[in-house]
Amino acid sequence: MFRWDIVGQYLFAPIFLQAVWTTLWISVVAQFAGVVIGLFLALMRLSRFPLLSFPAQVYVWFFRGSPLLVQILLLFDGLP
């Protein structure tokens, strides 16, 4: 027989609820940061000045052209 009281005990444990809240908070902050960075990169790419548009083009070219797994490996293995 399935014990729903045990499931509820673990599902609504304070540490589990805190982990859910932390996950949601990190997701919202990452989403906001991504929108802000994307907005600045879009404005830089639309600029007529090469000092602004070229770095944004290189950044977009790199992250669009390389697989996510390669980016993760470079991030974790390439940094000191």
C-alpha atoms as a PDB file:
ATOM      1  CA  MET A   1       0.000   0.000   0.000  1.00  0.00           C
ATOM      2  CA  PHE A   2       1.245   3.467  -0.896  1.00  0.00           C
ATOM      3  CA  ARG A   3       1.805   5.823   2.035  1.00  0.00           C
ATOM      4  CA  TRP A   4       0.823   9.335   1.026  1.00  0.00           C
ATOM      5  CA  ASP A   5       1.629  10.698   4.471  1.00  0.00           C
ATOM      6  CA  ILE A   6       5.278   9.741   3.971  1.00  0.00           C
ATOM      7  CA  VAL A   7       5.312  11.417   0.552  1.00  0.00           C
ATOM      8  CA  GLY A   8       3.835  14.591   2.051  1.00  0.00           C
ATOM      9  CA  GLN A   9       6.323  14.508   4.888  1.00  0.00           C
ATOM     10  CA  TYR A  10       9.269  14.572   2.488  1.00  0.00           C
ATOM     11  CA  LEU A  11       7.633  16.761  -0.148  1.00  0.00           C
ATOM     12  CA  PHE A  12       6.841  19.560   2.293  1.00  0.00           C
ATOM     13  CA  ALA A  13       9.966  19.288   4.398  1.00  0.00           C
ATOM     14  CA  PRO A  14      11.469  22.721   5.129  1.00  0.00           C
ATOM     15  CA  ILE A  15      14.767  21.938   3.422  1.00  0.00           C
ATOM     16  CA  PHE A  16      12.953  20.790   0.269  1.00  0.00           C
ATOM     17  CA  LEU A  17      10.787  23.919   0.196  1.00  0.00           C
ATOM     18  CA  GLN A  18      13.882  26.063   0.680  1.00  0.00           C
ATOM     19  CA  ALA A  19      15.557  24.278  -2.247  1.00  0.00           C
ATOM     20  CA  VAL A  20      12.496  24.914  -4.440  1.00  0.00           C
ATOM     21  CA  TRP A  21      12.525  28.608  -3.490  1.00  0.00           C
ATOM     22  CA  THR A  22      16.263  28.877  -4.221  1.00  0.00           C
ATOM     23  CA  THR A  23      15.803  27.210  -7.608  1.00  0.00           C
ATOM     24  CA  LEU A  24      12.993  29.590  -8.554  1.00  0.00           C
ATOM     25  CA  TRP A  25      15.007  32.611  -7.382  1.00  0.00           C
ATOM     26  CA  ILE A  26      18.069  31.590  -9.413  1.00  0.00           C
ATOM     27  CA  SER A  27      15.851  30.999 -12.458  1.00  0.00           C
ATOM     28  CA  VAL A  28      14.269  34.457 -12.230  1.00  0.00           C
ATOM     29  CA  VAL A  29      17.619  36.201 -11.720  1.00  0.00           C
ATOM     30  CA  ALA A  30      19.197  34.294 -14.630  1.00  0.00           C
ATOM     31  CA  GLN A  31      16.250  35.131 -16.886  1.00  0.00           C
ATOM     32  CA  PHE A  32      16.487  38.823 -16.001  1.00  0.00           C
ATOM     33  CA  ALA A  33      20.261  38.864 -16.505  1.00  0.00           C
ATOM     34  CA  GLY A  34      19.881  37.151 -19.876  1.00  0.00           C
ATOM     35  CA  VAL A  35      17.346  39.718 -21.045  1.00  0.00           C
ATOM     36  CA  VAL A  36      19.551  42.620 -19.931  1.00  0.00           C
ATOM     37  CA  ILE A  37      22.677  41.167 -21.561  1.00  0.00           C
ATOM     38  CA  GLY A  38      20.742  40.370 -24.730  1.00  0.00           C
ATOM     39  CA  LEU A  39      19.344  43.893 -24.883  1.00  0.00           C
ATOM     40  CA  PHE A  40      22.797  45.442 -24.547  1.00  0.00           C
ATOM     41  CA  LEU A  41      24.247  43.098 -27.169  1.00  0.00           C
ATOM     42  CA  ALA A  42      21.408  43.894 -29.567  1.00  0.00           C
ATOM     43  CA  LEU A  43      21.977  47.618 -29.104  1.00  0.00           C
ATOM     44  CA  MET A  44      25.708  47.142 -29.602  1.00  0.00           C
ATOM     45  CA  ARG A  45      25.147  45.174 -32.834  1.00  0.00           C
ATOM     46  CA  LEU A  46      22.870  47.901 -34.173  1.00  0.00           C
ATOM     47  CA  SER A  47      25.512  50.537 -33.532  1.00  0.00           C
ATOM     48  CA  ARG A  48      27.331  52.134 -36.449  1.00  0.00           C
ATOM     49  CA  PHE A  49      30.585  52.248 -34.486  1.00  0.00           C
ATOM     50  CA  PRO A  50      32.855  49.247 -35.153  1.00  0.00           C
ATOM     51  CA  LEU A  51      34.237  49.351 -31.592  1.00  0.00           C
ATOM     52  CA  LEU A  52      30.759  48.524 -30.330  1.00  0.00           C
ATOM     53  CA  SER A  53      29.347  46.324 -33.055  1.00  0.00           C
ATOM     54  CA  PHE A  54      32.346  44.056 -33.691  1.00  0.00           C
ATOM     55  CA  PRO A  55      32.710  42.642 -30.131  1.00  0.00           C
ATOM     56  CA  ALA A  56      28.972  42.004 -30.020  1.00  0.00           C
ATOM     57  CA  GLN A  57      29.117  40.211 -33.370  1.00  0.00           C
ATOM     58  CA  VAL A  58      32.008  38.037 -32.185  1.00  0.00           C
ATOM     59  CA  TYR A  59      30.185  37.207 -28.944  1.00  0.00           C
ATOM     60  CA  VAL A  60      26.995  36.241 -30.782  1.00  0.00           C
ATOM     61  CA  TRP A  61      28.962  34.320 -33.429  1.00  0.00           C
ATOM     62  CA  PHE A  62      30.772  32.275 -30.783  1.00  0.00           C
ATOM     63  CA  PHE A  63      27.735  31.396 -28.677  1.00  0.00           C
ATOM     64  CA  ARG A  64      25.529  30.624 -31.675  1.00  0.00           C
ATOM     65  CA  GLY A  65      28.178  28.624 -33.496  1.00  0.00           C
ATOM     66  CA  SER A  66      29.455  26.382 -30.738  1.00  0.00           C
ATOM     67  CA  PRO A  67      27.524  23.563 -29.078  1.00  0.00           C
ATOM     68  CA  LEU A  68      26.414  24.064 -25.495  1.00  0.00           C
ATOM     69  CA  LEU A  69      28.498  21.125 -24.294  1.00  0.00           C
ATOM     70  CA  VAL A  70      31.644  22.721 -25.728  1.00  0.00           C
ATOM     71  CA  GLN A  71      30.795  25.989 -23.972  1.00  0.00           C
ATOM     72  CA  ILE A  72      30.294  24.178 -20.661  1.00  0.00           C
ATOM     73  CA  LEU A  73      33.600  22.333 -21.051  1.00  0.00           C
ATOM     74  CA  LEU A  74      35.414  25.589 -21.847  1.00  0.00           C
ATOM     75  CA  LEU A  75      33.794  27.267 -18.865  1.00  0.00           C
ATOM     76  CA  PHE A  76      34.714  24.592 -16.332  1.00  0.00           C
ATOM     77  CA  ASP A  77      38.009  23.338 -17.760  1.00  0.00           C
ATOM     78  CA  GLY A  78      39.305  26.530 -19.342  1.00  0.00           C
ATOM     79  CA  LEU A  79      39.015  28.777 -16.306  1.00  0.00           C
ATOM     80  CA  PRO A  80      41.658  28.614 -13.576  1.00  0.00           C
END
